[in-house]
Amino acid sequence: MKNYQEHTGAIINKHRDFLGRYILTIDAGIDKVSVITSKAVYEVNDIGKVRSIIHRRKKLKNISSIYSPEEASIWNRFIEEIVSRDLGDMNLVQKNAAIAFRYDAEMNSGGHSGFFECCPNVSNEDVESALLGVGANIIVSNFMEACTCGIDDDYVKTDDVFYDIYPPLSEIVMDYVLKHKQIIFEL
């Protein structure tokens, strides 16, 4: 990416400047880097969270979460041990995470049409409940629109909306799994 810089560090400050723009500042070791961001990105990124940012000057291009090796290990264990199990054998927390994970995986593979084709045994109500359960409220209305009228344009609009949502569903599900690991793994 021409003229872009990448920095990784913890968010140390959030504020709005005199023009009303949303500003995040990360501590990237020697550098303190401030970037202009959207209101949505600003609101979901708390002080202390470690993020990797790609930017040009002060304009944010991309932001992503950084997880520790322990957190990555928990996530991988969830994928290996829980996701493929029968939904009927799961507790509610496991079921919410597994359905949301499957929805995200199919969306990133084939969009809504792929999800509905590959997951015919998961009811729309179960997906809606799972998305709400993991805290992906921002995604629920788009999913419901895909269920009711997405087929009219072959899901183009609802797929595009899904891909533009921040934070992405994968991060929401991972944070949910990490927060509920005791229940997920029935420890």
C-alpha atoms as a PDB file:
ATOM      1  CA  MET A   1       0.000   0.000   0.000  1.00  0.00           C
ATOM      2  CA  LYS A   2       1.684   3.082  -1.293  1.00  0.00           C
ATOM      3  CA  ASN A   3       2.467   5.728   1.315  1.00  0.00           C
ATOM      4  CA  TYR A   4       0.662   3.866   4.088  1.00  0.00           C
ATOM      5  CA  GLN A   5       2.180   3.233   7.486  1.00  0.00           C
ATOM      6  CA  GLU A   6       1.381   0.468   9.942  1.00  0.00           C
ATOM      7  CA  HIS A   7       1.630   0.748  13.719  1.00  0.00           C
ATOM      8  CA  THR A   8       0.668  -1.587  16.535  1.00  0.00           C
ATOM      9  CA  GLY A   9       0.025  -0.601  20.112  1.00  0.00           C
ATOM     10  CA  ALA A  10      -2.468   0.056  22.859  1.00  0.00           C
ATOM     11  CA  ILE A  11      -5.051   2.801  22.549  1.00  0.00           C
ATOM     12  CA  ILE A  12      -4.004   5.459  25.045  1.00  0.00           C
ATOM     13  CA  ASN A  13      -6.392   8.296  24.215  1.00  0.00           C
ATOM     14  CA  LYS A  14      -9.763   8.941  22.581  1.00  0.00           C
ATOM     15  CA  HIS A  15     -11.152  12.386  21.940  1.00  0.00           C
ATOM     16  CA  ARG A  16     -12.935  14.640  19.505  1.00  0.00           C
ATOM     17  CA  ASP A  17     -11.013  17.523  18.055  1.00  0.00           C
ATOM     18  CA  PHE A  18     -12.301  21.091  17.679  1.00  0.00           C
ATOM     19  CA  LEU A  19     -13.809  20.148  14.285  1.00  0.00           C
ATOM     20  CA  GLY A  20     -15.776  17.307  15.879  1.00  0.00           C
ATOM     21  CA  ARG A  21     -13.678  14.541  14.275  1.00  0.00           C
ATOM     22  CA  TYR A  22     -13.151  11.289  16.180  1.00  0.00           C
ATOM     23  CA  ILE A  23      -9.504  10.720  17.122  1.00  0.00           C
ATOM     24  CA  LEU A  24      -7.800   7.580  18.464  1.00  0.00           C
ATOM     25  CA  THR A  25      -4.208   7.654  19.713  1.00  0.00           C
ATOM     26  CA  ILE A  26      -2.123   4.508  20.084  1.00  0.00           C
ATOM     27  CA  ASP A  27       1.199   4.031  21.846  1.00  0.00           C
ATOM     28  CA  ALA A  28       3.352   2.341  19.204  1.00  0.00           C
ATOM     29  CA  GLY A  29       6.522   2.191  21.289  1.00  0.00           C
ATOM     30  CA  ILE A  30       8.634   5.207  20.345  1.00  0.00           C
ATOM     31  CA  ASP A  31       5.773   6.801  18.423  1.00  0.00           C
ATOM     32  CA  LYS A  32       2.412   8.042  19.628  1.00  0.00           C
ATOM     33  CA  VAL A  33       0.130   7.879  16.578  1.00  0.00           C
ATOM     34  CA  SER A  34      -3.195   9.701  16.280  1.00  0.00           C
ATOM     35  CA  VAL A  35      -5.650   8.918  13.492  1.00  0.00           C
ATOM     36  CA  ILE A  36      -9.023  10.269  12.424  1.00  0.00           C
ATOM     37  CA  THR A  37     -11.686   7.576  12.478  1.00  0.00           C
ATOM     38  CA  SER A  38     -15.421   7.082  12.137  1.00  0.00           C
ATOM     39  CA  LYS A  39     -17.816   7.366  15.059  1.00  0.00           C
ATOM     40  CA  ALA A  40     -18.488   3.586  14.952  1.00  0.00           C
ATOM     41  CA  VAL A  41     -14.783   2.684  15.133  1.00  0.00           C
ATOM     42  CA  TYR A  42     -14.248   5.278  17.868  1.00  0.00           C
ATOM     43  CA  GLU A  43     -17.094   3.940  20.005  1.00  0.00           C
ATOM     44  CA  VAL A  44     -16.081   0.264  19.985  1.00  0.00           C
ATOM     45  CA  ASN A  45     -12.357   0.743  20.610  1.00  0.00           C
ATOM     46  CA  ASP A  46     -11.694   1.250  24.294  1.00  0.00           C
ATOM     47  CA  ILE A  47      -8.580   2.663  25.916  1.00  0.00           C
ATOM     48  CA  GLY A  48      -6.123  -0.135  26.645  1.00  0.00           C
ATOM     49  CA  LYS A  49      -7.152  -2.323  23.679  1.00  0.00           C
ATOM     50  CA  VAL A  50      -4.231  -3.349  21.481  1.00  0.00           C
ATOM     51  CA  ARG A  51      -4.798  -2.609  17.812  1.00  0.00           C
ATOM     52  CA  SER A  52      -2.913  -2.690  14.560  1.00  0.00           C
ATOM     53  CA  ILE A  53      -3.647   0.324  12.386  1.00  0.00           C
ATOM     54  CA  ILE A  54      -2.815   1.137   8.795  1.00  0.00           C
ATOM     55  CA  HIS A  55      -2.981   4.815   7.921  1.00  0.00           C
ATOM     56  CA  ARG A  56      -1.748   7.542   5.616  1.00  0.00           C
ATOM     57  CA  ARG A  57      -0.920  10.687   7.495  1.00  0.00           C
ATOM     58  CA  LYS A  58      -3.827  11.001   9.943  1.00  0.00           C
ATOM     59  CA  LYS A  59      -6.392   9.136   7.788  1.00  0.00           C
ATOM     60  CA  LEU A  60      -7.198   5.632   9.069  1.00  0.00           C
ATOM     61  CA  LYS A  61      -7.275   2.939   6.384  1.00  0.00           C
ATOM     62  CA  ASN A  62      -7.687  -0.195   8.515  1.00  0.00           C
ATOM     63  CA  ILE A  63      -7.802  -1.194  12.172  1.00  0.00           C
ATOM     64  CA  SER A  64      -7.689  -4.703  13.582  1.00  0.00           C
ATOM     65  CA  SER A  65      -7.494  -6.396  16.943  1.00  0.00           C
ATOM     66  CA  ILE A  66      -4.336  -8.044  18.185  1.00  0.00           C
ATOM     67  CA  TYR A  67      -4.778 -11.120  20.344  1.00  0.00           C
ATOM     68  CA  SER A  68      -2.269 -12.747  22.669  1.00  0.00           C
ATOM     69  CA  PRO A  69      -0.996 -16.285  22.006  1.00  0.00           C
ATOM     70  CA  GLU A  70      -3.161 -17.510  24.908  1.00  0.00           C
ATOM     71  CA  GLU A  71      -6.256 -15.869  23.411  1.00  0.00           C
ATOM     72  CA  ALA A  72      -5.441 -17.329  19.987  1.00  0.00           C
ATOM     73  CA  SER A  73      -5.090 -20.759  21.605  1.00  0.00           C
ATOM     74  CA  ILE A  74      -8.537 -20.463  23.217  1.00  0.00           C
ATOM     75  CA  TRP A  75     -10.031 -19.389  19.875  1.00  0.00           C
ATOM     76  CA  ASN A  76      -8.412 -22.326  18.055  1.00  0.00           C
ATOM     77  CA  ARG A  77      -9.656 -24.717  20.729  1.00  0.00           C
ATOM     78  CA  PHE A  78     -13.185 -23.345  20.274  1.00  0.00           C
ATOM     79  CA  ILE A  79     -12.980 -23.947  16.518  1.00  0.00           C
ATOM     80  CA  GLU A  80     -11.556 -27.466  16.929  1.00  0.00           C
ATOM     81  CA  GLU A  81     -13.739 -28.701  19.801  1.00  0.00           C
ATOM     82  CA  ILE A  82     -17.016 -26.793  19.727  1.00  0.00           C
ATOM     83  CA  VAL A  83     -17.982 -25.414  16.310  1.00  0.00           C
ATOM     84  CA  SER A  84     -18.536 -28.733  14.535  1.00  0.00           C
ATOM     85  CA  ARG A  85     -20.533 -30.345  17.336  1.00  0.00           C
ATOM     86  CA  ASP A  86     -24.254 -30.921  16.942  1.00  0.00           C
ATOM     87  CA  LEU A  87     -26.157 -27.841  18.091  1.00  0.00           C
ATOM     88  CA  GLY A  88     -28.487 -30.016  20.175  1.00  0.00           C
ATOM     89  CA  ASP A  89     -25.516 -31.102  22.317  1.00  0.00           C
ATOM     90  CA  MET A  90     -24.505 -27.540  23.219  1.00  0.00           C
ATOM     91  CA  ASN A  91     -25.389 -25.242  26.076  1.00  0.00           C
ATOM     92  CA  LEU A  92     -26.831 -21.839  25.111  1.00  0.00           C
ATOM     93  CA  VAL A  93     -23.501 -19.981  25.264  1.00  0.00           C
ATOM     94  CA  GLN A  94     -21.806 -22.584  23.060  1.00  0.00           C
ATOM     95  CA  LYS A  95     -24.749 -22.602  20.651  1.00  0.00           C
ATOM     96  CA  ASN A  96     -24.767 -18.799  20.298  1.00  0.00           C
ATOM     97  CA  ALA A  97     -21.038 -18.761  19.566  1.00  0.00           C
ATOM     98  CA  ALA A  98     -21.177 -21.703  17.154  1.00  0.00           C
ATOM     99  CA  ILE A  99     -24.121 -20.361  15.137  1.00  0.00           C
ATOM    100  CA  ALA A 100     -22.599 -16.870  14.935  1.00  0.00           C
ATOM    101  CA  PHE A 101     -19.255 -18.406  13.909  1.00  0.00           C
ATOM    102  CA  ARG A 102     -20.898 -20.549  11.202  1.00  0.00           C
ATOM    103  CA  TYR A 103     -22.857 -17.555   9.911  1.00  0.00           C
ATOM    104  CA  ASP A 104     -19.672 -15.474   9.721  1.00  0.00           C
ATOM    105  CA  ALA A 105     -17.725 -18.271   8.024  1.00  0.00           C
ATOM    106  CA  GLU A 106     -20.395 -18.796   5.367  1.00  0.00           C
ATOM    107  CA  MET A 107     -20.795 -15.050   4.840  1.00  0.00           C
ATOM    108  CA  ASN A 108     -17.067 -14.764   4.165  1.00  0.00           C
ATOM    109  CA  SER A 109     -17.232 -17.755   1.848  1.00  0.00           C
ATOM    110  CA  GLY A 110     -20.422 -17.252  -0.165  1.00  0.00           C
ATOM    111  CA  GLY A 111     -22.465 -14.421   1.316  1.00  0.00           C
ATOM    112  CA  HIS A 112     -26.069 -14.827   2.395  1.00  0.00           C
ATOM    113  CA  SER A 113     -26.908 -17.127  -0.504  1.00  0.00           C
ATOM    114  CA  GLY A 114     -24.053 -19.409   0.579  1.00  0.00           C
ATOM    115  CA  PHE A 115     -25.184 -19.308   4.190  1.00  0.00           C
ATOM    116  CA  PHE A 116     -28.789 -20.200   3.398  1.00  0.00           C
ATOM    117  CA  GLU A 117     -27.631 -22.993   1.075  1.00  0.00           C
ATOM    118  CA  CYS A 118     -25.021 -24.480   3.417  1.00  0.00           C
ATOM    119  CA  CYS A 119     -26.945 -24.109   6.687  1.00  0.00           C
ATOM    120  CA  PRO A 120     -30.554 -25.067   5.894  1.00  0.00           C
ATOM    121  CA  ASN A 121     -31.049 -26.697   9.299  1.00  0.00           C
ATOM    122  CA  VAL A 122     -30.345 -23.496  11.243  1.00  0.00           C
ATOM    123  CA  SER A 123     -33.521 -21.438  11.594  1.00  0.00           C
ATOM    124  CA  ASN A 124     -33.542 -17.698  11.023  1.00  0.00           C
ATOM    125  CA  GLU A 125     -34.788 -17.306  14.594  1.00  0.00           C
ATOM    126  CA  ASP A 126     -31.780 -19.263  15.903  1.00  0.00           C
ATOM    127  CA  VAL A 127     -29.388 -17.048  13.925  1.00  0.00           C
ATOM    128  CA  GLU A 128     -31.112 -13.887  15.137  1.00  0.00           C
ATOM    129  CA  SER A 129     -30.999 -15.142  18.732  1.00  0.00           C
ATOM    130  CA  ALA A 130     -27.333 -16.158  18.428  1.00  0.00           C
ATOM    131  CA  LEU A 131     -26.301 -12.805  16.960  1.00  0.00           C
ATOM    132  CA  LEU A 132     -28.078 -10.994  19.773  1.00  0.00           C
ATOM    133  CA  GLY A 133     -26.582 -13.430  22.294  1.00  0.00           C
ATOM    134  CA  VAL A 134     -22.991 -12.738  21.224  1.00  0.00           C
ATOM    135  CA  GLY A 135     -23.608  -8.983  21.153  1.00  0.00           C
ATOM    136  CA  ALA A 136     -23.713  -8.541  17.369  1.00  0.00           C
ATOM    137  CA  ASN A 137     -26.826  -6.354  17.537  1.00  0.00           C
ATOM    138  CA  ILE A 138     -25.542  -4.207  14.676  1.00  0.00           C
ATOM    139  CA  ILE A 139     -25.683  -7.245  12.350  1.00  0.00           C
ATOM    140  CA  VAL A 140     -29.170  -8.491  13.292  1.00  0.00           C
ATOM    141  CA  SER A 141     -31.165  -5.973  11.254  1.00  0.00           C
ATOM    142  CA  ASN A 142     -29.082  -6.699   8.164  1.00  0.00           C
ATOM    143  CA  PHE A 143     -29.605 -10.441   8.620  1.00  0.00           C
ATOM    144  CA  MET A 144     -33.350  -9.958   9.001  1.00  0.00           C
ATOM    145  CA  GLU A 145     -33.415  -7.831   5.849  1.00  0.00           C
ATOM    146  CA  ALA A 146     -31.578 -10.612   3.994  1.00  0.00           C
ATOM    147  CA  CYS A 147     -34.212 -13.078   5.229  1.00  0.00           C
ATOM    148  CA  THR A 148     -37.154 -10.981   4.100  1.00  0.00           C
ATOM    149  CA  CYS A 149     -36.074  -9.283   0.879  1.00  0.00           C
ATOM    150  CA  GLY A 150     -32.430 -10.104   0.156  1.00  0.00           C
ATOM    151  CA  ILE A 151     -33.289 -12.600  -2.534  1.00  0.00           C
ATOM    152  CA  ASP A 152     -34.824  -9.762  -4.600  1.00  0.00           C
ATOM    153  CA  ASP A 153     -31.315  -8.542  -5.545  1.00  0.00           C
ATOM    154  CA  ASP A 154     -29.502 -11.861  -4.977  1.00  0.00           C
ATOM    155  CA  TYR A 155     -28.375 -10.557  -1.550  1.00  0.00           C
ATOM    156  CA  VAL A 156     -26.039  -7.943  -3.071  1.00  0.00           C
ATOM    157  CA  LYS A 157     -27.119  -5.098  -0.779  1.00  0.00           C
ATOM    158  CA  THR A 158     -27.187  -7.120   2.458  1.00  0.00           C
ATOM    159  CA  ASP A 159     -23.857  -8.808   1.643  1.00  0.00           C
ATOM    160  CA  ASP A 160     -22.239  -5.409   1.034  1.00  0.00           C
ATOM    161  CA  VAL A 161     -23.629  -4.067   4.316  1.00  0.00           C
ATOM    162  CA  PHE A 162     -22.310  -7.130   6.190  1.00  0.00           C
ATOM    163  CA  TYR A 163     -18.772  -6.655   4.835  1.00  0.00           C
ATOM    164  CA  ASP A 164     -18.753  -2.969   5.823  1.00  0.00           C
ATOM    165  CA  ILE A 165     -19.838  -3.521   9.452  1.00  0.00           C
ATOM    166  CA  TYR A 166     -17.249  -2.756  12.114  1.00  0.00           C
ATOM    167  CA  PRO A 167     -16.215  -4.513  14.193  1.00  0.00           C
ATOM    168  CA  PRO A 168     -16.433  -7.586  12.003  1.00  0.00           C
ATOM    169  CA  LEU A 169     -18.502 -10.488  13.304  1.00  0.00           C
ATOM    170  CA  SER A 170     -15.406 -12.666  13.679  1.00  0.00           C
ATOM    171  CA  GLU A 171     -14.005 -10.230  16.276  1.00  0.00           C
ATOM    172  CA  ILE A 172     -17.344 -10.030  18.093  1.00  0.00           C
ATOM    173  CA  VAL A 173     -17.550 -13.828  18.301  1.00  0.00           C
ATOM    174  CA  MET A 174     -13.920 -14.165  19.383  1.00  0.00           C
ATOM    175  CA  ASP A 175     -14.402 -11.599  22.152  1.00  0.00           C
ATOM    176  CA  TYR A 176     -17.561 -13.470  23.254  1.00  0.00           C
ATOM    177  CA  VAL A 177     -15.703 -16.806  23.342  1.00  0.00           C
ATOM    178  CA  LEU A 178     -12.835 -15.291  25.337  1.00  0.00           C
ATOM    179  CA  LYS A 179     -15.240 -13.642  27.785  1.00  0.00           C
ATOM    180  CA  HIS A 180     -17.255 -16.869  28.283  1.00  0.00           C
ATOM    181  CA  LYS A 181     -14.453 -19.462  28.052  1.00  0.00           C
ATOM    182  CA  GLN A 182     -15.411 -21.059  31.371  1.00  0.00           C
ATOM    183  CA  ILE A 183     -18.911 -21.793  30.078  1.00  0.00           C
ATOM    184  CA  ILE A 184     -17.802 -22.563  26.509  1.00  0.00           C
ATOM    185  CA  PHE A 185     -15.427 -25.279  27.714  1.00  0.00           C
ATOM    186  CA  GLU A 186     -17.569 -26.202  30.745  1.00  0.00           C
ATOM    187  CA  LEU A 187     -14.687 -25.770  33.173  1.00  0.00           C
END
